[in-house]
Protein backbone atom coordinates (compact mmCIF):
# COMPACT_ATOMS: atom_id res chain seq x y z
CA MET A 1 226.57 -15.77 12.43
CA ILE A 2 223.36 -17.81 12.54
CA ASP A 3 220.18 -16.75 10.71
CA ILE A 4 217.68 -16.24 13.54
CA THR A 5 214.88 -17.94 11.59
CA SER A 6 216.87 -21.02 10.58
CA LYS A 7 215.31 -23.36 13.17
CA THR A 8 211.70 -22.20 13.41
CA GLU A 9 208.76 -24.60 13.60
CA GLU A 10 205.97 -24.33 11.05
CA GLY A 11 203.31 -21.84 12.12
CA PHE A 12 205.58 -20.21 14.70
CA LYS A 13 208.17 -17.45 14.54
CA ASP A 14 210.80 -18.95 16.80
CA ILE A 15 214.26 -17.47 16.78
CA ILE A 16 217.73 -18.82 17.46
CA LEU A 17 220.82 -16.87 18.45
CA SER A 18 224.48 -17.78 18.85
CA VAL A 19 226.11 -17.45 22.25
CA GLU A 20 228.85 -14.88 21.71
CA ARG A 21 230.06 -14.40 25.27
CA LEU A 22 229.36 -15.47 28.86
CA ILE A 23 229.57 -13.14 31.84
CA LYS A 24 229.66 -14.76 35.30
CA ASP A 25 229.57 -13.09 38.68
CA ASP A 26 230.52 -14.32 42.14
CA LYS A 27 226.84 -14.91 43.07
CA GLY A 28 226.34 -17.57 40.41
CA ASN A 29 224.43 -15.29 38.04
CA LEU A 30 225.13 -15.74 34.35
CA GLY A 31 224.97 -13.23 31.51
CA ILE A 32 224.71 -14.50 27.96
CA VAL A 33 225.41 -12.18 25.04
CA ALA A 34 223.52 -13.77 22.16
CA LYS A 35 223.50 -12.57 18.55
CA GLY A 36 222.33 -13.60 15.13
CA LYS A 37 221.55 -12.30 11.65
CA TYR A 38 218.21 -11.22 10.26
CA LYS A 39 218.36 -10.22 6.62
CA ASP A 40 221.39 -7.90 6.50
CA LYS A 41 221.43 -6.85 10.16
CA THR A 42 223.04 -8.19 13.31
CA VAL A 43 220.51 -8.68 16.10
CA GLY A 44 221.06 -9.60 19.73
CA LEU A 45 220.55 -9.08 23.42
CA LEU A 46 221.95 -9.84 26.85
CA ILE A 47 220.13 -12.60 28.72
CA LEU A 48 220.67 -12.56 32.46
CA VAL A 49 220.00 -15.81 34.32
CA LYS A 50 219.66 -15.80 38.11
CA GLY A 51 222.03 -18.20 39.84
CA GLY A 52 220.77 -20.85 42.22
CA MET A 53 217.49 -21.60 40.49
CA GLU A 54 216.23 -25.14 40.87
CA ASN A 55 214.76 -27.47 38.28
CA GLY A 56 210.99 -27.08 37.97
CA ILE A 57 210.07 -30.74 37.48
CA LYS A 58 210.53 -33.02 40.49
CA ASP A 59 209.44 -36.65 40.62
CA GLY A 60 207.63 -36.14 37.30
CA ALA A 61 205.50 -33.26 38.60
CA PHE A 62 205.71 -29.49 38.33
CA ASP A 63 207.25 -27.89 41.45
CA ARG A 64 205.49 -24.60 42.25
CA GLN A 65 208.36 -23.69 44.59
CA ALA A 66 210.68 -23.46 41.57
CA ILE A 67 209.10 -20.33 40.07
CA TYR A 68 211.41 -17.32 40.16
CA THR A 69 210.45 -13.67 39.78
CA GLY A 70 213.23 -12.02 37.80
CA GLY A 71 214.81 -15.42 37.17
CA ILE A 72 215.55 -14.41 33.60
CA MET A 73 215.96 -10.85 32.37
CA PHE A 74 216.61 -9.40 28.94
CA LYS A 75 218.79 -6.33 28.50
CA SER A 76 219.69 -4.22 25.52
CA ILE A 77 223.16 -4.33 24.03
CA GLY A 78 222.45 -1.30 21.85
CA VAL A 79 221.78 -1.23 18.13
CA GLU A 80 221.70 -5.04 17.87
CA SER A 81 218.82 -5.14 20.37
CA ASP A 82 216.94 -2.42 18.50
CA ASN A 83 217.43 -4.53 15.37
CA LEU A 84 216.10 -7.57 17.24
CA VAL A 85 212.86 -5.77 18.16
CA GLU A 86 212.53 -4.60 14.55
CA ALA A 87 213.07 -8.16 13.27
CA LEU A 88 210.60 -9.68 15.75
CA ALA A 89 207.97 -7.05 14.92
CA GLU A 90 208.35 -7.93 11.23
CA LEU A 91 208.25 -11.68 11.89
CA TYR A 92 205.28 -11.35 14.25
CA GLU A 93 203.54 -8.95 11.85
CA VAL A 94 203.14 -6.39 14.64
CA LYS A 95 203.44 -2.65 14.05
CA ASN A 96 206.22 -1.12 16.11
CA LYS A 97 208.34 2.01 15.89
CA LYS A 98 209.95 1.76 19.34
CA ARG A 99 213.45 0.64 20.26
CA PHE A 100 214.42 -2.09 22.69
CA SER A 101 213.80 -0.93 26.25
CA GLY A 102 216.54 0.86 28.14
CA HIS A 103 215.42 -0.97 31.28
CA LEU A 104 215.87 -4.57 32.37
CA ILE A 105 212.95 -6.67 31.15
CA MET A 106 212.19 -9.02 34.02
CA PHE A 107 210.47 -12.34 33.51
CA THR A 108 209.07 -14.75 36.04
CA CYS A 109 210.35 -18.16 35.00
CA CYS A 110 210.54 -21.82 35.75
CA ALA A 111 212.98 -24.38 34.43
CA LEU A 112 211.22 -27.17 32.52
CA GLU A 113 213.85 -29.65 33.60
CA GLU A 114 213.94 -32.71 35.85
CA LYS A 115 217.70 -32.67 36.30
CA GLU A 116 219.52 -30.12 38.41
CA LEU A 117 220.37 -27.03 36.37
CA ASP A 118 223.95 -26.87 35.11
CA LEU A 119 223.77 -24.28 32.34
CA GLU A 120 227.41 -24.36 31.37
CA ASN A 121 227.40 -28.12 30.80
CA ARG A 122 223.84 -29.11 29.91
CA PRO A 123 220.97 -27.52 27.92
CA ALA A 124 218.04 -26.10 29.87
CA ARG A 125 214.56 -25.03 28.85
CA PHE A 126 212.69 -22.22 30.62
CA LYS A 127 209.13 -20.97 30.42
CA LEU A 128 208.97 -17.19 30.79
CA PHE A 129 206.05 -15.04 31.93
CA PHE A 130 205.87 -11.27 31.61
CA ASP A 131 203.39 -9.23 33.66
CA ASP A 132 202.18 -12.45 35.27
CA ASN A 133 199.51 -10.59 37.30
CA ASP A 134 198.45 -8.70 34.14
CA SER A 135 198.71 -5.41 36.03
CA LEU A 136 199.99 -3.68 32.87
CA GLY A 137 197.65 -5.54 30.52
CA LEU A 138 200.74 -7.06 28.85
CA TYR A 139 200.61 -10.65 30.04
CA CYS A 140 202.56 -12.93 27.74
CA GLU A 141 204.48 -16.18 27.73
CA LEU A 142 207.43 -17.46 25.74
CA PHE A 143 210.22 -19.97 26.09
CA CYS A 144 213.96 -19.54 26.40
CA ASN A 145 216.08 -22.61 25.66
CA ILE A 146 219.72 -22.19 26.63
CA ASN A 147 222.33 -24.57 25.25
CA ILE A 148 225.74 -23.20 26.12
CA PRO A 149 227.63 -26.38 25.08
CA ALA A 150 226.16 -25.92 21.56
CA LYS A 151 226.55 -22.10 21.82
CA GLU A 152 222.85 -21.54 21.06
CA VAL A 153 219.88 -19.78 22.63
CA GLN A 154 216.42 -20.37 21.22
CA ILE A 155 213.46 -18.11 21.98
CA PRO A 156 210.42 -20.06 20.78
CA GLU A 157 206.91 -18.69 20.85
CA LYS A 158 204.47 -20.14 23.36
CA ASP A 159 201.42 -18.96 21.47
CA GLN A 160 200.86 -16.56 18.56
CA GLU A 161 198.33 -14.55 20.60
CA TYR A 162 201.20 -13.17 22.72
CA ARG A 163 203.12 -11.58 19.84
CA GLY A 164 201.87 -8.02 20.35
CA ASN A 165 202.49 -8.09 24.08
CA ILE A 166 205.97 -9.53 23.62
CA ILE A 167 206.90 -6.59 21.40
CA LYS A 168 205.35 -4.15 23.90
CA ALA A 169 207.24 -5.81 26.77
CA LEU A 170 210.54 -5.53 24.91
CA THR A 171 209.98 -1.83 24.22
CA LEU A 172 208.59 -0.56 27.55
């Protein structure tokens, strides 16, 4: 199993996970069970990707019509997800004693791609927004790069200032 910190950029606390299993439904939605190792613990989560999303870059420009509320959601898979929150809190240097949320964590997202999305055959990069209206005071951004052919999911930081809110979002 991959060490979640093995492909981080200097100054950031990006993580990488291995795709363990895919779950598809008849509506084109995709579930990705992704896991990795942090120190001596297995960490992971279920990433749910809404089917039918379009690429967010068209003719070299950002397409505001390709922003999807709930386009990507994170869900707990149990102890591994609790371990993931614990690992991220340590990496982000954020105090946390809570477990991964028992609820779906919904992100507004857009695909940072010019080509049509084809997740099972081609990598795709997404920008995620949580609490995009800041109604909870937890606004944050991060990325989610899905590469099913390589069996990898990366969750890079957008900005270090969002670390505390990311942990809070994952533990609501």
